[in-house]
N, C-alpha and C. Protein backbone atom coordinates (compact mmCIF):
# COMPACT_ATOMS: atom_id res chain seq x y z
N UNK A 1 -34.21 -173.30 62.82
CA UNK A 1 -35.10 -174.10 63.63
C UNK A 1 -36.50 -173.45 63.68
N UNK A 2 -36.57 -172.13 63.86
CA UNK A 2 -37.85 -171.44 63.95
C UNK A 2 -38.29 -170.84 62.61
N UNK A 3 -37.48 -171.03 61.57
CA UNK A 3 -37.78 -170.55 60.22
C UNK A 3 -38.00 -169.04 60.20
N UNK A 4 -37.03 -168.31 60.74
CA UNK A 4 -37.12 -166.84 60.75
C UNK A 4 -36.07 -166.23 59.82
N UNK A 5 -35.66 -166.98 58.79
CA UNK A 5 -34.62 -166.49 57.88
C UNK A 5 -35.06 -165.22 57.16
N UNK A 6 -36.36 -165.04 56.94
CA UNK A 6 -36.84 -163.83 56.27
C UNK A 6 -36.78 -162.62 57.18
N UNK A 7 -36.76 -162.85 58.48
CA UNK A 7 -36.79 -161.75 59.44
C UNK A 7 -35.42 -161.43 60.02
N UNK A 8 -34.67 -162.46 60.32
CA UNK A 8 -33.31 -162.28 60.85
C UNK A 8 -32.35 -162.75 59.77
N UNK A 9 -31.71 -161.80 59.13
CA UNK A 9 -30.84 -162.10 57.99
C UNK A 9 -29.39 -162.22 58.43
N UNK A 10 -28.54 -162.63 57.51
CA UNK A 10 -27.11 -162.72 57.80
C UNK A 10 -26.54 -161.35 58.14
N UNK A 11 -27.12 -160.31 57.59
CA UNK A 11 -26.67 -158.95 57.92
C UNK A 11 -26.88 -158.67 59.41
N UNK A 12 -28.02 -159.07 59.94
CA UNK A 12 -28.29 -158.90 61.36
C UNK A 12 -27.29 -159.70 62.20
N UNK A 13 -27.06 -160.92 61.80
CA UNK A 13 -26.16 -161.80 62.56
C UNK A 13 -24.74 -161.25 62.53
N UNK A 14 -24.29 -160.80 61.36
CA UNK A 14 -22.93 -160.25 61.27
C UNK A 14 -22.79 -158.96 62.09
N UNK A 15 -23.83 -158.13 62.09
CA UNK A 15 -23.79 -156.92 62.90
C UNK A 15 -23.75 -157.24 64.39
N UNK A 16 -24.46 -158.27 64.83
CA UNK A 16 -24.40 -158.66 66.24
C UNK A 16 -23.02 -159.21 66.59
N UNK A 17 -22.38 -159.90 65.63
CA UNK A 17 -21.01 -160.38 65.86
C UNK A 17 -20.07 -159.19 66.04
N UNK A 18 -20.30 -158.13 65.28
CA UNK A 18 -19.47 -156.92 65.43
C UNK A 18 -19.71 -156.26 66.79
N UNK A 19 -20.95 -156.31 67.26
CA UNK A 19 -21.25 -155.77 68.59
C UNK A 19 -20.53 -156.60 69.66
N UNK A 20 -20.56 -157.94 69.51
CA UNK A 20 -19.82 -158.80 70.45
C UNK A 20 -18.33 -158.50 70.42
N UNK A 21 -17.79 -158.26 69.22
CA UNK A 21 -16.37 -157.92 69.10
C UNK A 21 -16.07 -156.60 69.81
N UNK A 22 -16.91 -155.59 69.60
CA UNK A 22 -16.67 -154.29 70.23
C UNK A 22 -16.74 -154.37 71.75
N UNK A 23 -17.77 -155.02 72.27
CA UNK A 23 -17.88 -155.12 73.73
C UNK A 23 -16.78 -156.01 74.31
N UNK A 24 -16.40 -157.05 73.56
CA UNK A 24 -15.30 -157.91 74.02
C UNK A 24 -13.98 -157.17 74.08
N UNK A 25 -13.77 -156.26 73.13
CA UNK A 25 -12.54 -155.46 73.15
C UNK A 25 -12.52 -154.51 74.34
N UNK A 26 -13.69 -154.01 74.73
CA UNK A 26 -13.78 -153.16 75.92
C UNK A 26 -13.41 -153.98 77.17
N UNK A 27 -13.91 -155.21 77.23
CA UNK A 27 -13.58 -156.10 78.36
C UNK A 27 -12.08 -156.40 78.38
N UNK A 28 -11.50 -156.69 77.21
CA UNK A 28 -10.06 -156.98 77.12
C UNK A 28 -9.25 -155.76 77.57
N UNK A 29 -9.69 -154.57 77.19
CA UNK A 29 -9.02 -153.35 77.64
C UNK A 29 -9.09 -153.23 79.16
N UNK A 30 -10.24 -153.58 79.74
CA UNK A 30 -10.39 -153.54 81.20
C UNK A 30 -9.43 -154.50 81.89
N UNK A 31 -9.30 -155.71 81.34
CA UNK A 31 -8.36 -156.68 81.92
C UNK A 31 -6.93 -156.15 81.85
N UNK A 32 -6.59 -155.57 80.71
CA UNK A 32 -5.23 -155.05 80.53
C UNK A 32 -4.96 -153.92 81.52
N UNK A 33 -5.91 -153.01 81.67
CA UNK A 33 -5.71 -151.89 82.59
C UNK A 33 -5.67 -152.35 84.04
N UNK A 34 -6.44 -153.37 84.38
CA UNK A 34 -6.42 -153.91 85.74
C UNK A 34 -5.03 -154.46 86.07
N UNK A 35 -4.45 -155.20 85.14
CA UNK A 35 -3.12 -155.75 85.34
C UNK A 35 -2.07 -154.64 85.37
N UNK A 36 -2.18 -153.69 84.46
CA UNK A 36 -1.22 -152.59 84.42
C UNK A 36 -1.28 -151.76 85.71
N UNK A 37 -2.47 -151.45 86.17
CA UNK A 37 -2.59 -150.61 87.37
C UNK A 37 -2.08 -151.34 88.61
N UNK A 38 -2.24 -152.67 88.65
CA UNK A 38 -1.69 -153.43 89.78
C UNK A 38 -0.17 -153.32 89.78
N UNK A 39 0.43 -153.39 88.59
CA UNK A 39 1.89 -153.26 88.50
C UNK A 39 2.33 -151.82 88.74
N UNK A 40 1.65 -150.86 88.12
CA UNK A 40 2.07 -149.46 88.17
C UNK A 40 1.87 -148.84 89.55
N UNK A 41 0.88 -149.30 90.29
CA UNK A 41 0.61 -148.69 91.60
C UNK A 41 1.73 -148.96 92.59
N UNK A 42 2.42 -150.09 92.43
CA UNK A 42 3.48 -150.42 93.36
C UNK A 42 2.94 -150.93 94.69
N UNK A 43 1.63 -151.09 94.81
CA UNK A 43 1.02 -151.60 96.02
C UNK A 43 1.23 -153.11 96.07
N UNK A 44 1.92 -153.57 97.11
CA UNK A 44 2.27 -154.99 97.15
C UNK A 44 1.05 -155.89 97.29
N UNK A 45 -0.03 -155.42 97.89
CA UNK A 45 -1.23 -156.23 98.02
C UNK A 45 -1.94 -156.37 96.68
N UNK A 46 -2.01 -155.28 95.95
CA UNK A 46 -2.63 -155.32 94.62
C UNK A 46 -1.81 -156.19 93.67
N UNK A 47 -0.50 -156.06 93.74
CA UNK A 47 0.37 -156.88 92.90
C UNK A 47 0.22 -158.35 93.26
N UNK A 48 0.17 -158.63 94.58
CA UNK A 48 -0.01 -160.03 95.00
C UNK A 48 -1.32 -160.59 94.48
N UNK A 49 -2.38 -159.77 94.51
CA UNK A 49 -3.69 -160.24 94.04
C UNK A 49 -3.62 -160.65 92.58
N UNK A 50 -2.96 -159.85 91.73
CA UNK A 50 -2.86 -160.19 90.31
C UNK A 50 -1.96 -161.40 90.09
N UNK A 51 -0.85 -161.45 90.80
CA UNK A 51 0.05 -162.60 90.65
C UNK A 51 -0.64 -163.87 91.15
N UNK A 52 -1.39 -163.76 92.23
CA UNK A 52 -2.13 -164.91 92.75
C UNK A 52 -3.18 -165.38 91.75
N UNK A 53 -3.85 -164.45 91.08
CA UNK A 53 -4.83 -164.83 90.05
C UNK A 53 -4.15 -165.58 88.91
N UNK A 54 -2.97 -165.12 88.52
CA UNK A 54 -2.29 -165.69 87.35
C UNK A 54 -1.56 -166.99 87.65
N UNK A 55 -1.07 -167.16 88.89
CA UNK A 55 -0.23 -168.33 89.19
C UNK A 55 -0.70 -169.14 90.38
N UNK A 56 -1.74 -168.68 91.08
CA UNK A 56 -2.19 -169.36 92.29
C UNK A 56 -3.01 -170.60 92.01
N UNK A 57 -3.68 -171.10 93.05
CA UNK A 57 -4.44 -172.34 92.89
C UNK A 57 -5.63 -172.21 91.94
N UNK A 58 -6.10 -171.00 91.69
CA UNK A 58 -7.22 -170.79 90.78
C UNK A 58 -6.76 -170.28 89.41
N UNK A 59 -5.49 -170.40 89.12
CA UNK A 59 -4.94 -169.91 87.85
C UNK A 59 -5.64 -170.50 86.62
N UNK A 60 -6.01 -171.78 86.59
CA UNK A 60 -6.70 -172.30 85.40
C UNK A 60 -7.99 -171.55 85.09
N UNK A 61 -8.71 -171.11 86.11
CA UNK A 61 -9.94 -170.35 85.89
C UNK A 61 -9.62 -168.98 85.28
N UNK A 62 -8.57 -168.35 85.79
CA UNK A 62 -8.17 -167.05 85.26
C UNK A 62 -7.76 -167.16 83.80
N UNK A 63 -6.94 -168.16 83.48
CA UNK A 63 -6.47 -168.29 82.11
C UNK A 63 -7.57 -168.77 81.17
N UNK A 64 -8.52 -169.55 81.67
CA UNK A 64 -9.68 -169.92 80.85
C UNK A 64 -10.51 -168.68 80.54
N UNK A 65 -10.66 -167.81 81.53
CA UNK A 65 -11.37 -166.55 81.31
C UNK A 65 -10.67 -165.72 80.24
N UNK A 66 -9.35 -165.63 80.33
CA UNK A 66 -8.59 -164.87 79.33
C UNK A 66 -8.69 -165.50 77.95
N UNK A 67 -8.62 -166.82 77.89
CA UNK A 67 -8.71 -167.51 76.60
C UNK A 67 -10.05 -167.22 75.94
N UNK A 68 -11.13 -167.34 76.70
CA UNK A 68 -12.45 -167.16 76.12
C UNK A 68 -12.72 -165.69 75.81
N UNK A 69 -12.50 -164.81 76.79
CA UNK A 69 -12.91 -163.42 76.65
C UNK A 69 -11.96 -162.56 75.83
N UNK A 70 -10.73 -163.03 75.62
CA UNK A 70 -9.77 -162.21 74.87
C UNK A 70 -9.29 -162.93 73.60
N UNK A 71 -8.80 -164.14 73.74
CA UNK A 71 -8.17 -164.82 72.60
C UNK A 71 -9.21 -165.29 71.58
N UNK A 72 -10.22 -166.05 72.03
CA UNK A 72 -11.23 -166.54 71.10
C UNK A 72 -12.04 -165.41 70.47
N UNK A 73 -12.15 -164.31 71.19
CA UNK A 73 -12.86 -163.14 70.68
C UNK A 73 -12.24 -162.63 69.39
N UNK A 74 -10.92 -162.78 69.25
CA UNK A 74 -10.21 -162.23 68.09
C UNK A 74 -10.63 -162.90 66.78
N UNK A 75 -11.28 -164.06 66.86
CA UNK A 75 -11.75 -164.71 65.63
C UNK A 75 -12.83 -163.88 64.93
N UNK A 76 -13.51 -163.02 65.69
CA UNK A 76 -14.59 -162.23 65.11
C UNK A 76 -14.09 -161.10 64.22
N UNK A 77 -12.79 -160.90 64.13
CA UNK A 77 -12.24 -159.93 63.18
C UNK A 77 -12.42 -160.42 61.74
N UNK A 78 -12.53 -161.72 61.57
CA UNK A 78 -12.58 -162.30 60.24
C UNK A 78 -14.03 -162.56 59.81
N UNK A 79 -14.41 -162.08 58.61
CA UNK A 79 -15.80 -162.27 58.15
C UNK A 79 -16.22 -163.73 58.09
N UNK A 80 -15.29 -164.62 57.82
CA UNK A 80 -15.62 -166.04 57.74
C UNK A 80 -16.21 -166.54 59.06
N UNK A 81 -15.68 -166.06 60.18
CA UNK A 81 -16.19 -166.47 61.49
C UNK A 81 -17.45 -165.68 61.86
N UNK A 82 -17.51 -164.39 61.46
CA UNK A 82 -18.68 -163.57 61.77
C UNK A 82 -19.93 -164.07 61.05
N UNK A 83 -19.75 -164.75 59.91
CA UNK A 83 -20.89 -165.24 59.13
C UNK A 83 -21.21 -166.71 59.40
N UNK A 84 -20.44 -167.34 60.24
CA UNK A 84 -20.66 -168.75 60.56
C UNK A 84 -21.59 -168.84 61.77
N UNK A 85 -22.84 -169.22 61.52
CA UNK A 85 -23.86 -169.23 62.58
C UNK A 85 -23.50 -170.24 63.67
N UNK A 86 -22.98 -171.40 63.27
CA UNK A 86 -22.61 -172.41 64.27
C UNK A 86 -21.51 -171.88 65.19
N UNK A 87 -20.48 -171.23 64.63
CA UNK A 87 -19.41 -170.67 65.45
C UNK A 87 -19.94 -169.57 66.36
N UNK A 88 -20.81 -168.72 65.84
CA UNK A 88 -21.37 -167.65 66.67
C UNK A 88 -22.19 -168.21 67.82
N UNK A 89 -22.92 -169.29 67.57
CA UNK A 89 -23.69 -169.92 68.64
C UNK A 89 -22.76 -170.46 69.71
N UNK A 90 -21.73 -171.20 69.28
CA UNK A 90 -20.76 -171.76 70.24
C UNK A 90 -20.05 -170.64 70.98
N UNK A 91 -19.65 -169.60 70.26
CA UNK A 91 -18.94 -168.49 70.90
C UNK A 91 -19.84 -167.74 71.88
N UNK A 92 -21.12 -167.59 71.57
CA UNK A 92 -22.02 -166.90 72.50
C UNK A 92 -22.15 -167.68 73.80
N UNK A 93 -22.21 -169.01 73.71
CA UNK A 93 -22.26 -169.83 74.93
C UNK A 93 -20.94 -169.70 75.69
N UNK A 94 -19.82 -169.76 74.95
CA UNK A 94 -18.50 -169.60 75.60
C UNK A 94 -18.35 -168.22 76.24
N UNK A 95 -18.89 -167.19 75.59
CA UNK A 95 -18.80 -165.84 76.16
C UNK A 95 -19.56 -165.77 77.48
N UNK A 96 -20.69 -166.45 77.57
CA UNK A 96 -21.42 -166.50 78.85
C UNK A 96 -20.61 -167.24 79.90
N UNK A 97 -19.95 -168.32 79.51
CA UNK A 97 -19.08 -169.05 80.45
C UNK A 97 -17.93 -168.14 80.88
N UNK A 98 -17.35 -167.41 79.92
CA UNK A 98 -16.25 -166.49 80.24
C UNK A 98 -16.67 -165.39 81.20
N UNK A 99 -17.86 -164.86 81.02
CA UNK A 99 -18.35 -163.81 81.92
C UNK A 99 -18.63 -164.39 83.32
N UNK A 100 -19.12 -165.65 83.37
CA UNK A 100 -19.31 -166.29 84.66
C UNK A 100 -17.96 -166.50 85.33
N UNK A 101 -16.95 -166.93 84.55
CA UNK A 101 -15.61 -167.11 85.11
C UNK A 101 -15.05 -165.79 85.64
N UNK A 102 -15.38 -164.69 84.97
CA UNK A 102 -14.91 -163.39 85.46
C UNK A 102 -15.46 -163.12 86.85
N UNK A 103 -16.75 -163.36 87.06
CA UNK A 103 -17.34 -163.15 88.39
C UNK A 103 -16.71 -164.10 89.40
N UNK A 104 -16.47 -165.33 88.99
CA UNK A 104 -15.84 -166.32 89.87
C UNK A 104 -14.45 -165.84 90.28
N UNK A 105 -13.68 -165.36 89.30
CA UNK A 105 -12.32 -164.89 89.59
C UNK A 105 -12.36 -163.69 90.53
N UNK A 106 -13.28 -162.77 90.29
CA UNK A 106 -13.36 -161.58 91.14
C UNK A 106 -13.73 -161.95 92.57
N UNK A 107 -14.77 -162.75 92.73
CA UNK A 107 -15.28 -163.02 94.08
C UNK A 107 -14.47 -164.08 94.80
N UNK A 108 -14.33 -165.25 94.21
CA UNK A 108 -13.73 -166.37 94.93
C UNK A 108 -12.25 -166.15 95.18
N UNK A 109 -11.50 -165.74 94.17
CA UNK A 109 -10.06 -165.56 94.38
C UNK A 109 -9.80 -164.42 95.35
N UNK A 110 -10.59 -163.34 95.26
CA UNK A 110 -10.40 -162.22 96.19
C UNK A 110 -10.69 -162.64 97.62
N UNK A 111 -11.68 -163.50 97.84
CA UNK A 111 -12.04 -163.89 99.20
C UNK A 111 -11.21 -165.05 99.73
N UNK A 112 -10.54 -165.78 98.85
CA UNK A 112 -9.77 -166.93 99.32
C UNK A 112 -8.46 -166.52 99.98
N UNK A 113 -7.97 -165.32 99.68
CA UNK A 113 -6.74 -164.82 100.32
C UNK A 113 -7.04 -163.46 100.94
N UNK A 114 -7.32 -163.49 102.21
CA UNK A 114 -7.59 -162.27 102.95
C UNK A 114 -6.27 -161.64 103.38
N UNK A 115 -6.33 -160.58 104.14
CA UNK A 115 -5.11 -159.96 104.66
C UNK A 115 -4.50 -160.76 105.79
N UNK A 116 -5.25 -161.64 106.40
CA UNK A 116 -4.75 -162.47 107.49
C UNK A 116 -4.47 -163.87 106.97
N UNK A 117 -3.25 -164.38 107.15
CA UNK A 117 -2.93 -165.72 106.65
C UNK A 117 -3.83 -166.81 107.21
N UNK A 118 -4.39 -166.61 108.38
CA UNK A 118 -5.30 -167.59 108.95
C UNK A 118 -6.59 -167.74 108.16
N UNK A 119 -6.90 -166.74 107.35
CA UNK A 119 -8.12 -166.78 106.55
C UNK A 119 -7.89 -167.34 105.14
N UNK A 120 -6.68 -167.77 104.83
CA UNK A 120 -6.41 -168.35 103.51
C UNK A 120 -7.07 -169.72 103.43
N UNK A 121 -7.89 -169.92 102.43
CA UNK A 121 -8.52 -171.22 102.21
C UNK A 121 -9.03 -171.31 100.78
N UNK A 122 -9.13 -172.53 100.30
CA UNK A 122 -9.66 -172.75 98.97
C UNK A 122 -11.17 -172.91 99.07
N UNK A 123 -11.87 -172.42 98.07
CA UNK A 123 -13.32 -172.48 98.05
C UNK A 123 -13.79 -173.82 97.52
N UNK A 124 -14.74 -174.42 98.20
CA UNK A 124 -15.41 -175.61 97.68
C UNK A 124 -16.90 -175.43 97.94
N UNK A 125 -17.70 -175.49 96.88
CA UNK A 125 -19.13 -175.20 97.05
C UNK A 125 -19.85 -176.27 97.87
N UNK A 126 -20.81 -175.83 98.67
CA UNK A 126 -21.64 -176.73 99.46
C UNK A 126 -22.94 -176.99 98.70
N UNK A 127 -23.79 -177.82 99.26
CA UNK A 127 -25.07 -178.09 98.60
C UNK A 127 -25.92 -176.83 98.52
N UNK A 128 -25.75 -175.92 99.48
CA UNK A 128 -26.49 -174.66 99.46
C UNK A 128 -26.04 -173.82 98.25
N UNK A 129 -24.73 -173.77 98.02
CA UNK A 129 -24.22 -173.01 96.87
C UNK A 129 -24.75 -173.58 95.56
N UNK A 130 -24.76 -174.91 95.42
CA UNK A 130 -25.24 -175.53 94.18
C UNK A 130 -26.73 -175.29 93.98
N UNK A 131 -27.52 -175.40 95.04
CA UNK A 131 -28.95 -175.19 94.88
C UNK A 131 -29.27 -173.73 94.58
N UNK A 132 -28.52 -172.81 95.18
CA UNK A 132 -28.71 -171.39 94.84
C UNK A 132 -28.36 -171.13 93.38
N UNK A 133 -27.29 -171.73 92.91
CA UNK A 133 -26.88 -171.57 91.52
C UNK A 133 -27.94 -172.13 90.58
N UNK A 134 -28.40 -173.36 90.83
CA UNK A 134 -29.41 -173.97 89.97
C UNK A 134 -30.74 -173.22 90.05
N UNK A 135 -31.09 -172.74 91.24
CA UNK A 135 -32.32 -171.95 91.38
C UNK A 135 -32.23 -170.65 90.61
N UNK A 136 -31.06 -170.03 90.61
CA UNK A 136 -30.87 -168.80 89.84
C UNK A 136 -31.03 -169.06 88.36
N UNK A 137 -30.44 -170.17 87.86
CA UNK A 137 -30.61 -170.52 86.45
C UNK A 137 -32.08 -170.77 86.12
N UNK A 138 -32.78 -171.51 86.99
CA UNK A 138 -34.20 -171.77 86.76
C UNK A 138 -35.02 -170.51 86.77
N UNK A 139 -34.75 -169.62 87.71
CA UNK A 139 -35.48 -168.35 87.78
C UNK A 139 -35.23 -167.50 86.54
N UNK A 140 -33.99 -167.48 86.06
CA UNK A 140 -33.66 -166.73 84.85
C UNK A 140 -34.41 -167.30 83.64
N UNK A 141 -34.39 -168.63 83.48
CA UNK A 141 -35.07 -169.25 82.35
C UNK A 141 -36.58 -169.03 82.42
N UNK A 142 -37.15 -169.07 83.61
CA UNK A 142 -38.57 -168.78 83.77
C UNK A 142 -38.87 -167.34 83.36
N UNK A 143 -38.07 -166.41 83.85
CA UNK A 143 -38.26 -165.00 83.49
C UNK A 143 -38.11 -164.77 81.99
N UNK A 144 -37.14 -165.45 81.38
CA UNK A 144 -36.95 -165.33 79.94
C UNK A 144 -38.16 -165.86 79.18
N UNK A 145 -38.71 -167.01 79.62
CA UNK A 145 -39.89 -167.57 78.96
C UNK A 145 -41.09 -166.63 79.08
N UNK A 146 -41.29 -166.04 80.25
CA UNK A 146 -42.39 -165.09 80.44
C UNK A 146 -42.18 -163.86 79.57
N UNK A 147 -40.95 -163.36 79.53
CA UNK A 147 -40.66 -162.18 78.72
C UNK A 147 -40.91 -162.43 77.25
N UNK A 148 -40.49 -163.59 76.75
CA UNK A 148 -40.71 -163.92 75.34
C UNK A 148 -42.19 -164.12 75.06
N UNK A 149 -42.92 -164.64 76.03
CA UNK A 149 -44.37 -164.82 75.84
C UNK A 149 -45.07 -163.47 75.78
N UNK A 150 -44.67 -162.53 76.64
CA UNK A 150 -45.33 -161.23 76.67
C UNK A 150 -44.85 -160.31 75.55
N UNK A 151 -43.57 -160.34 75.27
CA UNK A 151 -42.97 -159.48 74.23
C UNK A 151 -42.20 -160.34 73.26
N UNK A 152 -42.84 -160.80 72.19
CA UNK A 152 -42.15 -161.68 71.23
C UNK A 152 -40.90 -161.00 70.66
N UNK A 153 -39.85 -161.79 70.34
CA UNK A 153 -38.61 -161.21 69.81
C UNK A 153 -38.81 -160.47 68.49
N UNK A 154 -39.78 -160.91 67.69
CA UNK A 154 -40.08 -160.23 66.43
C UNK A 154 -41.50 -159.70 66.54
N UNK A 155 -41.66 -158.40 66.32
CA UNK A 155 -42.97 -157.78 66.46
C UNK A 155 -43.94 -158.35 65.43
N UNK A 156 -45.19 -158.54 65.84
CA UNK A 156 -46.22 -159.09 64.96
C UNK A 156 -46.47 -158.15 63.79
N UNK A 157 -46.39 -156.84 64.02
CA UNK A 157 -46.60 -155.87 62.94
C UNK A 157 -45.55 -156.05 61.85
N UNK A 158 -44.31 -156.29 62.24
CA UNK A 158 -43.26 -156.52 61.24
C UNK A 158 -43.52 -157.81 60.47
N UNK A 159 -43.95 -158.84 61.17
CA UNK A 159 -44.23 -160.10 60.49
C UNK A 159 -45.37 -159.96 59.49
N UNK A 160 -46.42 -159.22 59.85
CA UNK A 160 -47.53 -159.00 58.92
C UNK A 160 -47.09 -158.21 57.70
N UNK A 161 -46.26 -157.19 57.93
CA UNK A 161 -45.75 -156.39 56.82
C UNK A 161 -44.93 -157.27 55.87
N UNK A 162 -44.04 -158.07 56.42
CA UNK A 162 -43.23 -158.95 55.57
C UNK A 162 -44.08 -160.05 54.91
N UNK A 163 -45.09 -160.50 55.61
CA UNK A 163 -45.97 -161.53 55.04
C UNK A 163 -46.68 -160.99 53.80
N UNK A 164 -47.22 -159.77 53.92
CA UNK A 164 -47.91 -159.18 52.76
C UNK A 164 -46.93 -158.88 51.64
N UNK A 165 -45.75 -158.43 52.00
CA UNK A 165 -44.73 -158.14 50.99
C UNK A 165 -44.30 -159.40 50.25
N UNK A 166 -44.08 -160.49 50.98
CA UNK A 166 -43.68 -161.76 50.35
C UNK A 166 -44.84 -162.38 49.54
N UNK A 167 -46.07 -162.15 49.98
CA UNK A 167 -47.22 -162.72 49.29
C UNK A 167 -47.41 -162.08 47.91
N UNK A 168 -47.05 -160.80 47.80
CA UNK A 168 -47.16 -160.10 46.52
C UNK A 168 -46.17 -160.67 45.50
N UNK A 169 -45.00 -161.13 45.99
CA UNK A 169 -43.98 -161.66 45.08
C UNK A 169 -44.27 -163.09 44.85
């Protein structure tokens, strides 16, 4: 779309896919250890928290998080997927959704079941929650636009060097 094929090559894209794979494996290891420690500790509250995440009313969110952050991540082991720009774009968006789901699982599920049964309730967002969420997205996109304007993703010096190099050929 921006015609930067001379600057961002398939080698760069494949290396970033490998970085996503490495960091995703660290996240998967964290999920595994969290589940193992809940079981190994023998603490009934910690065990209940994990069982509630896996089978409770918010279980679809937990399993969607696992599907995106662990299962779909495994496709990046194969060069065919690491070199597919369309798949990497879709996966990068899904990875952001998966990371958002992780925060949702940590905060909402943990707060929906307190130590007192009278405090058990399902979360439903209010208009304040939605406006805060949309405002946060808008603020992030504004900051990203300012950052890209002040510090372009590709340095001008590199572009001039490549321009002169390509002009000679």
